[in-house]
Amino acid sequence: MNSEPKILFVYFSFTQQTQKVVEVMSDVLRAKGCSVSQARIEFTDERYAGVFSNFPLRRAFLQLISMFPPQLRRATGEIRIDHEILAGDYDLICFGSPTWWLTTNMPMRSFLKSDAAARLLKGRRFGAFVVCRRYWKNNLETVKRLGIANGGDYVGGTYFTFAGGQVASLLSFVSYMGAGINKPRYLGLKIPPTNLKPDYSIGAEAFADSLAEITA
């Protein structure tokens, strides 16, 4: 038994929602005596620099739509990550993956298909969580499948969704991406606030507890 279990979070976060979950889970795990490290994926591909160089987005709807074709074909792109952190000896890896257009975001997919991911995951346990408007299952299953293909042992996952139905949550998200703040209306329609629901920390703490039990 390891006296100080070592856990690594690997995640991508553009609007900081995934990062918020990582921080809550990290605090719980540290309080339980775990050593926690974080490796944030940076999306550096020049083909998509116009979309991700600024927030809020200047032409939110068109820029978001522009990511649909590469997501549909499950494309990969250039990323950057701290390889010194990846080289550590970890007892468990946890991936934080936002959903883009129904599936795993390109930066996370790019990492999980890399040699660095194969080295990190071989013979190690891993879990995952998804942050999304509505659709989480394909994203979580993709992270699970790619992690197992890299030699990892999947221990479980969870997800965090935004408020509102499919249409309302989409309008809210587009509005937020264009304004950088939550607004009560978009295109004349009343919309719910986007991003994580206020009680997201409850689920994050519960999942962190389960990871702590696995590494105990």
N, C-alpha and C. Protein backbone atom coordinates (compact mmCIF):
# COMPACT_ATOMS: atom_id res chain seq x y z
N MET A 1 0.84 -1.20 0.00
CA MET A 1 0.00 0.00 0.00
C MET A 1 0.87 1.25 0.00
N ASN A 2 0.59 2.19 -0.84
CA ASN A 2 1.33 3.44 -0.94
C ASN A 2 0.88 4.39 0.17
N SER A 3 1.86 4.89 0.99
CA SER A 3 1.50 5.78 2.09
C SER A 3 0.97 7.12 1.59
N GLU A 4 1.38 7.52 0.39
CA GLU A 4 0.90 8.76 -0.20
C GLU A 4 0.56 8.51 -1.67
N PRO A 5 -0.65 8.08 -1.95
CA PRO A 5 -1.03 7.80 -3.34
C PRO A 5 -0.82 9.03 -4.23
N LYS A 6 -0.28 8.78 -5.41
CA LYS A 6 -0.01 9.86 -6.35
C LYS A 6 -1.03 9.83 -7.49
N ILE A 7 -1.72 10.93 -7.66
CA ILE A 7 -2.79 11.02 -8.67
C ILE A 7 -2.49 12.17 -9.61
N LEU A 8 -2.69 11.93 -10.90
CA LEU A 8 -2.46 12.94 -11.93
C LEU A 8 -3.76 13.25 -12.66
N PHE A 9 -4.09 14.54 -12.78
CA PHE A 9 -5.19 14.97 -13.62
C PHE A 9 -4.63 15.47 -14.95
N VAL A 10 -5.15 14.92 -16.04
CA VAL A 10 -4.82 15.40 -17.39
C VAL A 10 -6.12 15.93 -17.97
N TYR A 11 -6.13 17.19 -18.39
CA TYR A 11 -7.41 17.76 -18.81
C TYR A 11 -7.21 18.88 -19.82
N PHE A 12 -8.29 19.21 -20.53
CA PHE A 12 -8.35 20.37 -21.40
C PHE A 12 -9.49 21.26 -20.92
N SER A 13 -9.28 22.58 -20.92
CA SER A 13 -10.32 23.49 -20.44
C SER A 13 -10.15 24.84 -21.11
N PHE A 14 -11.11 25.22 -21.95
CA PHE A 14 -11.07 26.52 -22.62
C PHE A 14 -11.84 27.58 -21.83
N THR A 15 -13.01 27.22 -21.34
CA THR A 15 -13.83 28.17 -20.56
C THR A 15 -13.66 27.98 -19.05
N GLN A 16 -12.71 27.16 -18.66
CA GLN A 16 -12.34 26.92 -17.26
C GLN A 16 -13.33 26.05 -16.49
N GLN A 17 -14.34 25.50 -17.14
CA GLN A 17 -15.30 24.66 -16.43
C GLN A 17 -14.68 23.34 -15.99
N THR A 18 -13.96 22.69 -16.88
CA THR A 18 -13.29 21.45 -16.52
C THR A 18 -12.25 21.69 -15.45
N GLN A 19 -11.55 22.81 -15.54
CA GLN A 19 -10.55 23.14 -14.54
C GLN A 19 -11.18 23.30 -13.15
N LYS A 20 -12.38 23.87 -13.09
CA LYS A 20 -13.06 24.02 -11.81
C LYS A 20 -13.30 22.66 -11.16
N VAL A 21 -13.71 21.68 -11.95
CA VAL A 21 -13.94 20.33 -11.42
C VAL A 21 -12.62 19.73 -10.93
N VAL A 22 -11.57 19.91 -11.73
CA VAL A 22 -10.25 19.40 -11.34
C VAL A 22 -9.82 19.99 -10.00
N GLU A 23 -10.03 21.28 -9.81
CA GLU A 23 -9.61 21.93 -8.57
C GLU A 23 -10.37 21.40 -7.36
N VAL A 24 -11.68 21.21 -7.51
CA VAL A 24 -12.47 20.67 -6.40
C VAL A 24 -12.00 19.26 -6.05
N MET A 25 -11.81 18.44 -7.06
CA MET A 25 -11.38 17.07 -6.82
C MET A 25 -9.97 17.03 -6.23
N SER A 26 -9.11 17.91 -6.69
CA SER A 26 -7.73 17.96 -6.17
C SER A 26 -7.74 18.30 -4.69
N ASP A 27 -8.57 19.26 -4.29
CA ASP A 27 -8.64 19.65 -2.88
C ASP A 27 -9.10 18.48 -2.01
N VAL A 28 -10.09 17.74 -2.48
CA VAL A 28 -10.59 16.59 -1.72
C VAL A 28 -9.50 15.54 -1.57
N LEU A 29 -8.81 15.24 -2.65
CA LEU A 29 -7.80 14.20 -2.63
C LEU A 29 -6.61 14.57 -1.76
N ARG A 30 -6.22 15.83 -1.82
CA ARG A 30 -5.11 16.28 -0.96
C ARG A 30 -5.50 16.19 0.51
N ALA A 31 -6.76 16.53 0.82
CA ALA A 31 -7.23 16.44 2.20
C ALA A 31 -7.23 15.01 2.70
N LYS A 32 -7.30 14.06 1.78
CA LYS A 32 -7.29 12.64 2.14
C LYS A 32 -5.89 12.05 2.10
N GLY A 33 -4.88 12.90 1.95
CA GLY A 33 -3.50 12.44 2.02
C GLY A 33 -2.88 12.03 0.70
N CYS A 34 -3.52 12.38 -0.41
CA CYS A 34 -2.97 12.06 -1.73
C CYS A 34 -2.06 13.18 -2.23
N SER A 35 -1.08 12.81 -3.02
CA SER A 35 -0.25 13.78 -3.73
C SER A 35 -0.88 13.98 -5.11
N VAL A 36 -1.25 15.21 -5.43
CA VAL A 36 -1.99 15.48 -6.67
C VAL A 36 -1.17 16.38 -7.60
N SER A 37 -1.08 15.99 -8.86
CA SER A 37 -0.45 16.80 -9.89
C SER A 37 -1.45 17.05 -11.00
N GLN A 38 -1.23 18.13 -11.75
CA GLN A 38 -2.13 18.48 -12.85
C GLN A 38 -1.32 18.76 -14.12
N ALA A 39 -1.81 18.23 -15.23
CA ALA A 39 -1.20 18.48 -16.54
C ALA A 39 -2.30 18.97 -17.48
N ARG A 40 -2.26 20.25 -17.78
CA ARG A 40 -3.27 20.84 -18.65
C ARG A 40 -2.82 20.76 -20.11
N ILE A 41 -3.71 20.29 -20.97
CA ILE A 41 -3.41 20.22 -22.40
C ILE A 41 -3.64 21.58 -23.03
N GLU A 42 -2.68 22.06 -23.80
CA GLU A 42 -2.82 23.30 -24.56
C GLU A 42 -3.07 22.94 -26.03
N PHE A 43 -4.04 23.60 -26.63
CA PHE A 43 -4.38 23.36 -28.03
C PHE A 43 -3.63 24.38 -28.88
N THR A 44 -2.58 23.94 -29.57
CA THR A 44 -1.68 24.85 -30.28
C THR A 44 -1.77 24.77 -31.80
N ASP A 45 -2.68 23.97 -32.31
CA ASP A 45 -2.78 23.77 -33.76
C ASP A 45 -3.12 25.07 -34.47
N GLU A 46 -2.26 25.48 -35.41
CA GLU A 46 -2.44 26.75 -36.12
C GLU A 46 -3.71 26.78 -36.96
N ARG A 47 -4.20 25.63 -37.37
CA ARG A 47 -5.41 25.60 -38.19
C ARG A 47 -6.63 26.12 -37.43
N TYR A 48 -6.58 26.03 -36.11
CA TYR A 48 -7.73 26.43 -35.31
C TYR A 48 -7.41 27.58 -34.36
N ALA A 49 -6.28 28.24 -34.61
CA ALA A 49 -5.85 29.33 -33.73
C ALA A 49 -6.88 30.46 -33.69
N GLY A 50 -7.55 30.72 -34.82
CA GLY A 50 -8.54 31.79 -34.86
C GLY A 50 -9.72 31.56 -33.94
N VAL A 51 -10.01 30.31 -33.66
CA VAL A 51 -11.14 29.99 -32.78
C VAL A 51 -10.74 30.12 -31.31
N PHE A 52 -9.53 29.72 -30.99
CA PHE A 52 -9.15 29.59 -29.59
C PHE A 52 -8.15 30.64 -29.11
N SER A 53 -7.90 31.66 -29.91
CA SER A 53 -6.93 32.69 -29.51
C SER A 53 -7.53 33.73 -28.58
N ASN A 54 -8.85 33.89 -28.60
CA ASN A 54 -9.49 34.90 -27.77
C ASN A 54 -10.78 34.38 -27.14
N PHE A 55 -11.06 34.89 -25.96
CA PHE A 55 -12.35 34.63 -25.32
C PHE A 55 -12.81 35.94 -24.67
N PRO A 56 -14.05 36.36 -24.93
CA PRO A 56 -15.08 35.69 -25.73
C PRO A 56 -14.74 35.67 -27.22
N LEU A 57 -15.46 34.83 -27.94
CA LEU A 57 -15.24 34.70 -29.37
C LEU A 57 -15.85 35.88 -30.11
N ARG A 58 -15.20 36.31 -31.17
CA ARG A 58 -15.70 37.46 -31.92
C ARG A 58 -16.93 37.11 -32.75
N ARG A 59 -16.94 35.93 -33.32
CA ARG A 59 -18.09 35.45 -34.12
C ARG A 59 -18.46 34.06 -33.60
N ALA A 60 -19.06 34.05 -32.44
CA ALA A 60 -19.22 32.80 -31.69
C ALA A 60 -19.88 31.69 -32.49
N PHE A 61 -21.03 31.97 -33.10
CA PHE A 61 -21.76 30.89 -33.78
C PHE A 61 -20.95 30.31 -34.93
N LEU A 62 -20.38 31.17 -35.76
CA LEU A 62 -19.61 30.70 -36.91
C LEU A 62 -18.34 29.97 -36.47
N GLN A 63 -17.69 30.47 -35.44
CA GLN A 63 -16.47 29.83 -34.97
C GLN A 63 -16.74 28.46 -34.35
N LEU A 64 -17.83 28.36 -33.62
CA LEU A 64 -18.19 27.06 -33.05
C LEU A 64 -18.56 26.06 -34.14
N ILE A 65 -19.30 26.53 -35.13
CA ILE A 65 -19.69 25.66 -36.25
C ILE A 65 -18.47 25.16 -37.01
N SER A 66 -17.43 26.00 -37.08
CA SER A 66 -16.24 25.63 -37.85
C SER A 66 -15.54 24.40 -37.27
N MET A 67 -15.79 24.09 -35.99
CA MET A 67 -15.19 22.91 -35.38
C MET A 67 -15.98 21.64 -35.62
N PHE A 68 -17.17 21.77 -36.21
CA PHE A 68 -18.00 20.58 -36.42
C PHE A 68 -17.38 19.59 -37.40
N PRO A 69 -16.91 20.02 -38.59
CA PRO A 69 -16.33 19.04 -39.53
C PRO A 69 -15.16 18.25 -38.96
N PRO A 70 -14.15 18.89 -38.34
CA PRO A 70 -13.05 18.08 -37.80
C PRO A 70 -13.49 17.18 -36.65
N GLN A 71 -14.46 17.63 -35.88
CA GLN A 71 -14.97 16.77 -34.81
C GLN A 71 -15.73 15.57 -35.39
N LEU A 72 -16.47 15.81 -36.45
CA LEU A 72 -17.23 14.74 -37.09
C LEU A 72 -16.32 13.63 -37.61
N ARG A 73 -15.15 14.01 -38.14
CA ARG A 73 -14.24 13.00 -38.68
C ARG A 73 -13.22 12.53 -37.64
N ARG A 74 -13.41 12.94 -36.39
CA ARG A 74 -12.56 12.52 -35.27
C ARG A 74 -11.09 12.89 -35.54
N ALA A 75 -10.87 14.13 -35.97
CA ALA A 75 -9.54 14.59 -36.31
C ALA A 75 -8.69 14.81 -35.06
N THR A 76 -7.37 14.84 -35.25
CA THR A 76 -6.44 15.20 -34.19
C THR A 76 -5.69 16.46 -34.61
N GLY A 77 -5.02 17.08 -33.65
CA GLY A 77 -4.30 18.32 -33.94
C GLY A 77 -3.09 18.48 -33.04
N GLU A 78 -2.37 19.56 -33.24
CA GLU A 78 -1.17 19.84 -32.45
C GLU A 78 -1.56 20.30 -31.04
N ILE A 79 -0.87 19.74 -30.04
CA ILE A 79 -1.10 20.11 -28.65
C ILE A 79 0.23 20.28 -27.94
N ARG A 80 0.16 20.86 -26.74
CA ARG A 80 1.34 20.97 -25.89
C ARG A 80 0.95 20.55 -24.48
N ILE A 81 1.84 19.82 -23.81
CA ILE A 81 1.60 19.38 -22.44
C ILE A 81 2.94 19.24 -21.73
N ASP A 82 2.95 19.38 -20.43
CA ASP A 82 4.18 19.32 -19.66
C ASP A 82 4.64 17.86 -19.51
N HIS A 83 5.66 17.48 -20.26
CA HIS A 83 6.11 16.09 -20.26
C HIS A 83 6.87 15.73 -18.98
N GLU A 84 7.40 16.73 -18.29
CA GLU A 84 8.06 16.44 -17.01
C GLU A 84 7.04 15.94 -15.99
N ILE A 85 5.85 16.54 -16.00
CA ILE A 85 4.80 16.08 -15.09
C ILE A 85 4.34 14.68 -15.48
N LEU A 86 4.21 14.42 -16.77
CA LEU A 86 3.76 13.11 -17.22
C LEU A 86 4.73 12.00 -16.83
N ALA A 87 5.99 12.35 -16.63
CA ALA A 87 7.02 11.34 -16.34
C ALA A 87 6.97 10.84 -14.90
N GLY A 88 6.11 11.42 -14.07
CA GLY A 88 6.03 10.98 -12.68
C GLY A 88 5.48 9.57 -12.52
N ASP A 89 5.67 9.01 -11.35
CA ASP A 89 5.19 7.66 -11.05
C ASP A 89 3.85 7.77 -10.33
N TYR A 90 2.76 7.55 -11.06
CA TYR A 90 1.42 7.78 -10.52
C TYR A 90 0.68 6.47 -10.25
N ASP A 91 -0.15 6.52 -9.23
CA ASP A 91 -0.99 5.37 -8.90
C ASP A 91 -2.29 5.38 -9.71
N LEU A 92 -2.70 6.57 -10.14
CA LEU A 92 -3.96 6.69 -10.89
C LEU A 92 -3.94 7.97 -11.72
N ILE A 93 -4.50 7.90 -12.91
CA ILE A 93 -4.65 9.05 -13.79
C ILE A 93 -6.14 9.35 -13.93
N CYS A 94 -6.51 10.63 -13.92
CA CYS A 94 -7.90 11.02 -14.16
C CYS A 94 -7.94 12.04 -15.28
N PHE A 95 -8.74 11.76 -16.30
CA PHE A 95 -8.87 12.64 -17.45
C PHE A 95 -10.13 13.50 -17.34
N GLY A 96 -9.99 14.80 -17.60
CA GLY A 96 -11.12 15.72 -17.65
C GLY A 96 -11.35 16.17 -19.08
N SER A 97 -12.49 15.80 -19.65
CA SER A 97 -12.71 15.97 -21.08
C SER A 97 -14.04 16.67 -21.40
N PRO A 98 -14.01 17.92 -21.86
CA PRO A 98 -15.24 18.57 -22.34
C PRO A 98 -15.75 17.89 -23.62
N THR A 99 -17.04 17.94 -23.82
CA THR A 99 -17.64 17.43 -25.06
C THR A 99 -17.68 18.53 -26.11
N TRP A 100 -17.18 18.22 -27.30
CA TRP A 100 -17.32 19.11 -28.45
C TRP A 100 -18.14 18.38 -29.51
N TRP A 101 -19.25 18.95 -29.89
CA TRP A 101 -20.07 18.37 -30.96
C TRP A 101 -20.26 16.86 -30.76
N LEU A 102 -20.81 16.51 -29.64
CA LEU A 102 -21.27 15.16 -29.30
C LEU A 102 -20.18 14.19 -28.86
N THR A 103 -18.90 14.55 -29.03
CA THR A 103 -17.87 13.58 -28.73
C THR A 103 -16.67 14.23 -28.04
N THR A 104 -15.62 13.46 -27.85
CA THR A 104 -14.42 13.92 -27.17
C THR A 104 -13.77 15.08 -27.92
N ASN A 105 -13.39 16.11 -27.21
CA ASN A 105 -12.75 17.27 -27.85
C ASN A 105 -11.43 16.88 -28.51
N MET A 106 -11.07 17.62 -29.56
CA MET A 106 -9.89 17.29 -30.33
C MET A 106 -8.60 17.28 -29.50
N PRO A 107 -8.37 18.26 -28.61
CA PRO A 107 -7.13 18.20 -27.83
C PRO A 107 -6.98 16.93 -26.99
N MET A 108 -8.05 16.50 -26.33
CA MET A 108 -7.97 15.29 -25.52
C MET A 108 -7.78 14.06 -26.41
N ARG A 109 -8.50 13.99 -27.51
CA ARG A 109 -8.32 12.86 -28.43
C ARG A 109 -6.89 12.82 -28.95
N SER A 110 -6.35 14.00 -29.26
CA SER A 110 -4.98 14.06 -29.78
C SER A 110 -3.99 13.52 -28.76
N PHE A 111 -4.19 13.89 -27.49
CA PHE A 111 -3.29 13.37 -26.46
C PHE A 111 -3.42 11.86 -26.31
N LEU A 112 -4.65 11.37 -26.24
CA LEU A 112 -4.86 9.95 -26.01
C LEU A 112 -4.38 9.08 -27.16
N LYS A 113 -4.16 9.69 -28.32
CA LYS A 113 -3.62 8.94 -29.46
C LYS A 113 -2.11 9.15 -29.61
N SER A 114 -1.48 9.76 -28.63
CA SER A 114 -0.06 10.08 -28.72
C SER A 114 0.80 9.02 -28.02
N ASP A 115 2.08 9.03 -28.35
CA ASP A 115 3.03 8.13 -27.69
C ASP A 115 3.15 8.47 -26.20
N ALA A 116 3.01 9.77 -25.87
CA ALA A 116 3.09 10.18 -24.47
C ALA A 116 1.99 9.54 -23.65
N ALA A 117 0.78 9.45 -24.22
CA ALA A 117 -0.33 8.82 -23.51
C ALA A 117 -0.08 7.33 -23.33
N ALA A 118 0.49 6.70 -24.34
CA ALA A 118 0.79 5.27 -24.24
C ALA A 118 1.79 5.00 -23.12
N ARG A 119 2.80 5.85 -23.01
CA ARG A 119 3.79 5.68 -21.94
C ARG A 119 3.17 5.93 -20.57
N LEU A 120 2.31 6.94 -20.50
CA LEU A 120 1.68 7.29 -19.22
C LEU A 120 0.74 6.21 -18.72
N LEU A 121 -0.05 5.64 -19.62
CA LEU A 121 -1.15 4.76 -19.22
C LEU A 121 -0.77 3.29 -19.09
N LYS A 122 0.28 2.87 -19.71
CA LYS A 122 0.62 1.43 -19.72
C LYS A 122 0.72 0.87 -18.30
N GLY A 123 -0.18 -0.05 -18.00
CA GLY A 123 -0.16 -0.72 -16.70
C GLY A 123 -0.70 0.10 -15.55
N ARG A 124 -1.34 1.24 -15.85
CA ARG A 124 -1.84 2.11 -14.78
C ARG A 124 -3.36 2.19 -14.80
N ARG A 125 -3.93 2.45 -13.63
CA ARG A 125 -5.36 2.66 -13.51
C ARG A 125 -5.71 4.09 -13.92
N PHE A 126 -6.89 4.24 -14.51
CA PHE A 126 -7.33 5.59 -14.88
C PHE A 126 -8.84 5.71 -14.81
N GLY A 127 -9.29 6.93 -14.53
CA GLY A 127 -10.70 7.26 -14.55
C GLY A 127 -10.90 8.49 -15.42
N ALA A 128 -12.13 8.95 -15.53
CA ALA A 128 -12.40 10.11 -16.39
C ALA A 128 -13.70 10.79 -15.98
N PHE A 129 -13.77 12.08 -16.28
CA PHE A 129 -15.03 12.79 -16.14
C PHE A 129 -15.24 13.68 -17.35
N VAL A 130 -16.50 13.94 -17.65
CA VAL A 130 -16.89 14.73 -18.81
C VAL A 130 -17.65 15.96 -18.34
N VAL A 131 -17.37 17.10 -18.96
CA VAL A 131 -18.14 18.33 -18.75
C VAL A 131 -18.81 18.66 -20.09
N CYS A 132 -20.14 18.87 -20.06
CA CYS A 132 -20.85 19.03 -21.33
C CYS A 132 -22.19 19.74 -21.13
N ARG A 133 -22.79 20.14 -22.25
CA ARG A 133 -24.15 20.68 -22.18
C ARG A 133 -25.14 19.57 -21.92
N ARG A 134 -25.11 18.56 -22.76
CA ARG A 134 -26.09 17.48 -22.66
C ARG A 134 -25.46 16.10 -22.89
N TYR A 135 -24.60 16.01 -23.90
CA TYR A 135 -24.17 14.70 -24.38
C TYR A 135 -22.82 14.30 -23.80
N TRP A 136 -22.83 13.27 -22.98
CA TRP A 136 -21.62 12.84 -22.28
C TRP A 136 -21.18 11.43 -22.62
N LYS A 137 -22.11 10.57 -23.03
CA LYS A 137 -21.81 9.15 -23.12
C LYS A 137 -20.73 8.83 -24.15
N ASN A 138 -20.85 9.37 -25.36
CA ASN A 138 -19.86 9.07 -26.40
C ASN A 138 -18.47 9.56 -25.99
N ASN A 139 -18.44 10.75 -25.39
CA ASN A 139 -17.17 11.31 -24.92
C ASN A 139 -16.51 10.39 -23.90
N LEU A 140 -17.26 10.02 -22.88
CA LEU A 140 -16.71 9.18 -21.83
C LEU A 140 -16.29 7.81 -22.37
N GLU A 141 -17.09 7.25 -23.25
CA GLU A 141 -16.75 5.94 -23.83
C GLU A 141 -15.50 6.03 -24.69
N THR A 142 -15.31 7.16 -25.38
CA THR A 142 -14.12 7.33 -26.21
C THR A 142 -12.86 7.41 -25.36
N VAL A 143 -12.92 8.21 -24.29
CA VAL A 143 -11.78 8.31 -23.38
C VAL A 143 -11.47 6.93 -22.78
N LYS A 144 -12.49 6.21 -22.39
CA LYS A 144 -12.31 4.87 -21.84
C LYS A 144 -11.65 3.95 -22.87
N ARG A 145 -12.18 3.96 -24.10
CA ARG A 145 -11.66 3.05 -25.14
C ARG A 145 -10.21 3.36 -25.49
N LEU A 146 -9.89 4.65 -25.66
CA LEU A 146 -8.53 5.02 -26.03
C LEU A 146 -7.56 4.77 -24.88
N GLY A 147 -8.03 4.97 -23.65
CA GLY A 147 -7.17 4.69 -22.51
C GLY A 147 -6.85 3.21 -22.37
N ILE A 148 -7.84 2.38 -22.57
CA ILE A 148 -7.63 0.93 -22.51
C ILE A 148 -6.71 0.48 -23.65
N ALA A 149 -6.87 1.08 -24.82
CA ALA A 149 -6.01 0.75 -25.96
C ALA A 149 -4.55 1.09 -25.68
N ASN A 150 -4.32 2.04 -24.78
CA ASN A 150 -2.96 2.41 -24.40
C ASN A 150 -2.43 1.59 -23.23
N GLY A 151 -3.17 0.58 -22.84
CA GLY A 151 -2.70 -0.31 -21.78
C GLY A 151 -3.18 0.06 -20.40
N GLY A 152 -4.13 1.02 -20.29
CA GLY A 152 -4.63 1.44 -19.00
C GLY A 152 -5.74 0.54 -18.48
N ASP A 153 -5.98 0.61 -17.18
CA ASP A 153 -7.03 -0.16 -16.51
C ASP A 153 -8.10 0.82 -16.05
N TYR A 154 -9.25 0.83 -16.71
CA TYR A 154 -10.31 1.79 -16.43
C TYR A 154 -11.04 1.46 -15.14
N VAL A 155 -11.16 2.47 -14.25
CA VAL A 155 -11.79 2.25 -12.95
C VAL A 155 -13.14 2.95 -12.80
N GLY A 156 -13.53 3.78 -13.77
CA GLY A 156 -14.83 4.41 -13.69
C GLY A 156 -14.82 5.87 -14.11
N GLY A 157 -16.01 6.41 -14.32
CA GLY A 157 -16.12 7.80 -14.77
C GLY A 157 -17.43 8.43 -14.32
N THR A 158 -17.53 9.74 -14.56
CA THR A 158 -18.75 10.47 -14.25
C THR A 158 -18.86 11.65 -15.20
N TYR A 159 -19.94 12.43 -15.04
CA TYR A 159 -20.15 13.55 -15.95
C TYR A 159 -20.88 14.69 -15.24
N PHE A 160 -20.75 15.88 -15.82
CA PHE A 160 -21.37 17.10 -15.30
C PHE A 160 -22.02 17.83 -16.46
N THR A 161 -23.32 18.09 -16.37
CA THR A 161 -24.06 18.72 -17.46
C THR A 161 -24.50 20.14 -17.08
N PHE A 162 -24.82 20.92 -18.11
CA PHE A 162 -25.29 22.28 -17.91
C PHE A 162 -26.81 22.29 -17.78
N ALA A 163 -27.34 23.43 -17.39
CA ALA A 163 -28.79 23.58 -17.23
C ALA A 163 -29.48 23.73 -18.58
N GLY A 164 -30.77 23.36 -18.63
CA GLY A 164 -31.57 23.57 -19.84
C GLY A 164 -31.59 22.36 -20.75
N GLY A 165 -32.60 22.32 -21.63
CA GLY A 165 -32.70 21.25 -22.62
C GLY A 165 -31.72 21.48 -23.76
N GLN A 166 -31.86 20.68 -24.81
CA GLN A 166 -30.92 20.74 -25.92
C GLN A 166 -30.88 22.12 -26.56
N VAL A 167 -32.03 22.69 -26.89
CA VAL A 167 -32.06 23.97 -27.59
C VAL A 167 -31.66 25.11 -26.65
N ALA A 168 -32.27 25.15 -25.47
CA ALA A 168 -32.00 26.24 -24.53
C ALA A 168 -30.54 26.26 -24.10
N SER A 169 -29.96 25.09 -23.84
CA SER A 169 -28.56 25.05 -23.41
C SER A 169 -27.62 25.46 -24.54
N LEU A 170 -27.99 25.13 -25.79
CA LEU A 170 -27.18 25.55 -26.94
C LEU A 170 -27.20 27.06 -27.09
N LEU A 171 -28.37 27.66 -27.02
CA LEU A 171 -28.47 29.11 -27.13
C LEU A 171 -27.70 29.80 -26.00
N SER A 172 -27.80 29.25 -24.81
CA SER A 172 -27.08 29.82 -23.67
C SER A 172 -25.57 29.74 -23.89
N PHE A 173 -25.12 28.61 -24.40
CA PHE A 173 -23.69 28.41 -24.60
C PHE A 173 -23.15 29.36 -25.67
N VAL A 174 -23.88 29.48 -26.79
CA VAL A 174 -23.44 30.39 -27.85
C VAL A 174 -23.42 31.82 -27.35
N SER A 175 -24.44 32.20 -26.58
CA SER A 175 -24.49 33.54 -26.01
C SER A 175 -23.29 33.80 -25.10
N TYR A 176 -22.98 32.84 -24.25
CA TYR A 176 -21.86 32.99 -23.32
C TYR A 176 -20.53 33.06 -24.06
N MET A 177 -20.35 32.23 -25.07
CA MET A 177 -19.10 32.22 -25.82
C MET A 177 -18.88 33.53 -26.56
N GLY A 178 -19.96 34.19 -26.92
CA GLY A 178 -19.84 35.46 -27.62
C GLY A 178 -19.73 36.67 -26.71
N ALA A 179 -20.29 36.57 -25.50
CA ALA A 179 -20.32 37.71 -24.58
C ALA A 179 -19.34 37.57 -23.42
N GLY A 180 -19.02 36.34 -23.05
CA GLY A 180 -18.13 36.12 -21.92
C GLY A 180 -18.83 36.17 -20.58
N ILE A 181 -20.13 36.40 -20.58
CA ILE A 181 -20.94 36.43 -19.36
C ILE A 181 -22.28 35.78 -19.64
N ASN A 182 -22.96 35.37 -18.59
CA ASN A 182 -24.31 34.83 -18.75
C ASN A 182 -25.30 35.98 -18.91
N LYS A 183 -26.12 35.88 -19.93
CA LYS A 183 -27.18 36.87 -20.15
C LYS A 183 -28.53 36.19 -20.03
N PRO A 184 -29.58 36.92 -19.65
CA PRO A 184 -30.89 36.30 -19.45
C PRO A 184 -31.62 35.95 -20.74
N ARG A 185 -31.23 36.60 -21.85
CA ARG A 185 -31.94 36.37 -23.11
C ARG A 185 -30.94 36.32 -24.26
N TYR A 186 -31.32 35.56 -25.32
CA TYR A 186 -30.51 35.47 -26.53
C TYR A 186 -31.45 35.34 -27.71
N LEU A 187 -31.26 36.17 -28.71
CA LEU A 187 -32.15 36.22 -29.88
C LEU A 187 -33.61 36.42 -29.44
N GLY A 188 -33.77 37.16 -28.37
CA GLY A 188 -35.11 37.47 -27.87
C GLY A 188 -35.73 36.39 -27.02
N LEU A 189 -35.02 35.28 -26.82
CA LEU A 189 -35.56 34.16 -26.05
C LEU A 189 -34.93 34.11 -24.66
N LYS A 190 -35.73 33.74 -23.68
CA LYS A 190 -35.22 33.57 -22.33
C LYS A 190 -34.37 32.30 -22.27
N ILE A 191 -33.18 32.40 -21.66
CA ILE A 191 -32.27 31.26 -21.62
C ILE A 191 -31.77 31.05 -20.19
N PRO A 192 -31.44 29.80 -19.85
CA PRO A 192 -30.87 29.52 -18.53
C PRO A 192 -29.39 29.89 -18.51
N PRO A 193 -28.79 30.02 -17.34
CA PRO A 193 -27.34 30.24 -17.29
C PRO A 193 -26.61 29.01 -17.81
N THR A 194 -25.51 29.22 -18.51
CA THR A 194 -24.74 28.09 -19.02
C THR A 194 -23.63 27.73 -18.03
N ASN A 195 -22.80 26.80 -18.43
CA ASN A 195 -21.68 26.31 -17.62
C ASN A 195 -22.17 25.43 -16.48
N LEU A 196 -21.27 25.05 -15.59
CA LEU A 196 -21.58 24.11 -14.53
C LEU A 196 -22.73 24.58 -13.65
N LYS A 197 -23.58 23.65 -13.26
CA LYS A 197 -24.65 23.97 -12.33
C LYS A 197 -24.05 24.28 -10.95
N PRO A 198 -24.74 25.07 -10.16
CA PRO A 198 -24.18 25.48 -8.85
C PRO A 198 -23.77 24.32 -7.94
N ASP A 199 -24.43 23.17 -8.10
CA ASP A 199 -24.14 22.04 -7.20
C ASP A 199 -23.11 21.07 -7.78
N TYR A 200 -22.37 21.50 -8.79
CA TYR A 200 -21.41 20.58 -9.44
C TYR A 200 -20.38 20.04 -8.44
N SER A 201 -20.05 20.85 -7.43
CA SER A 201 -19.00 20.44 -6.49
C SER A 201 -19.39 19.19 -5.70
N ILE A 202 -20.68 18.98 -5.51
CA ILE A 202 -21.13 17.79 -4.77
C ILE A 202 -20.73 16.53 -5.54
N GLY A 203 -21.01 16.52 -6.83
CA GLY A 203 -20.64 15.37 -7.64
C GLY A 203 -19.14 15.22 -7.77
N ALA A 204 -18.43 16.35 -7.87
CA ALA A 204 -16.98 16.30 -7.98
C ALA A 204 -16.35 15.73 -6.71
N GLU A 205 -16.86 16.14 -5.56
CA GLU A 205 -16.34 15.62 -4.30
C GLU A 205 -16.61 14.13 -4.15
N ALA A 206 -17.80 13.71 -4.58
CA ALA A 206 -18.15 12.29 -4.49
C ALA A 206 -17.25 11.43 -5.37
N PHE A 207 -16.98 11.91 -6.60
CA PHE A 207 -16.11 11.15 -7.50
C PHE A 207 -14.68 11.12 -6.95
N ALA A 208 -14.23 12.25 -6.40
CA ALA A 208 -12.90 12.27 -5.81
C ALA A 208 -12.80 11.29 -4.66
N ASP A 209 -13.85 11.18 -3.85
CA ASP A 209 -13.86 10.21 -2.75
C ASP A 209 -13.68 8.78 -3.29
N SER A 210 -14.36 8.50 -4.40
CA SER A 210 -14.26 7.15 -4.98
C SER A 210 -12.85 6.87 -5.49
N LEU A 211 -12.19 7.89 -6.04
CA LEU A 211 -10.81 7.71 -6.51
C LEU A 211 -9.87 7.49 -5.32
N ALA A 212 -10.11 8.21 -4.24
CA ALA A 212 -9.28 8.04 -3.06
C ALA A 212 -9.40 6.63 -2.51
N GLU A 213 -10.59 6.07 -2.53
CA GLU A 213 -10.79 4.71 -2.04
C GLU A 213 -10.04 3.69 -2.90
N ILE A 214 -10.02 3.95 -4.21
CA ILE A 214 -9.34 3.03 -5.13
C ILE A 214 -7.84 3.00 -4.86
N THR A 215 -7.28 4.17 -4.53
CA THR A 215 -5.82 4.24 -4.35
C THR A 215 -5.38 3.98 -2.91
N ALA A 216 -6.34 3.86 -2.01
CA ALA A 216 -5.99 3.67 -0.59
C ALA A 216 -5.27 2.32 -0.35
